[in-house]
């Protein structure tokens, strides 16, 4: 839980860029952060948003490491080339986003990597925000073996046919019957992607298939309300949501 540590405890972590085998056998970069010590520690895959494989996700990875997790964030945009995060994000937007198949494959590689580590307890969760929230839900439906998933305001989980593309051919909601682990959803009621109505639609589908889930919806918060470097930030709602995330992962990955 947030801020629940003793002031006389040792704390240390290692954070570095490592390569793993991703989709189609490609070697991809990941940002990997872990607590120092023999563990064992649970693992978390972080799926970056469309602003890119950026500093926010590196800081978020280290936050999870500080709370006792092996945190790995694959560069799902690496096939577009390399440069500043905003440059690669612009390329991704112009291309209509990365393919769903490649994201699932990259997350499969990250999961396998975590489970090879001698200090991993064998449990792995996944989390993403914005487009990464969409991907987190998608991966939890398409990839067997995950133990928990968090969708933070994932847009286009519910998507009409006219929004589908060759790279993203099926709306993730249509895979709900295959959701393979408990799901936590974090949403702002002022958001329009997803809108409250789309969140309702997703919740109905999850209930219809009898899946384990919890949704938290925040008044006064819109899209990206965790992003402290933007005017979207809502500190009270953000920190309450972070508590919900730590509690959820603690229940499903640490116990």
Foldseek 3Di string as FASTA:
>chain_A
DPPPDDPPDDWDKDWDWDWWQFPPRDTFIKIKMATDDLAQAAEEEEEEALLFPAPVVNVVNNVVRRVGYTYIYTRLQPVQPDDHSNVSSVVQVVVVHAALRRLLRRVVRVLVVQCVDSSHPQAYEYEYAACRLQSQLLNLLVPPRHAETERELHFQLPPDCVSADPRRRDRVLVSLLRRHYEYEYEAEQAEVRVHPVVVVVSVVSNVVNPHHYYYDYHYPAYGPCLPPVDPRHDPVSNVVVVVVVCVVCCVRGVD
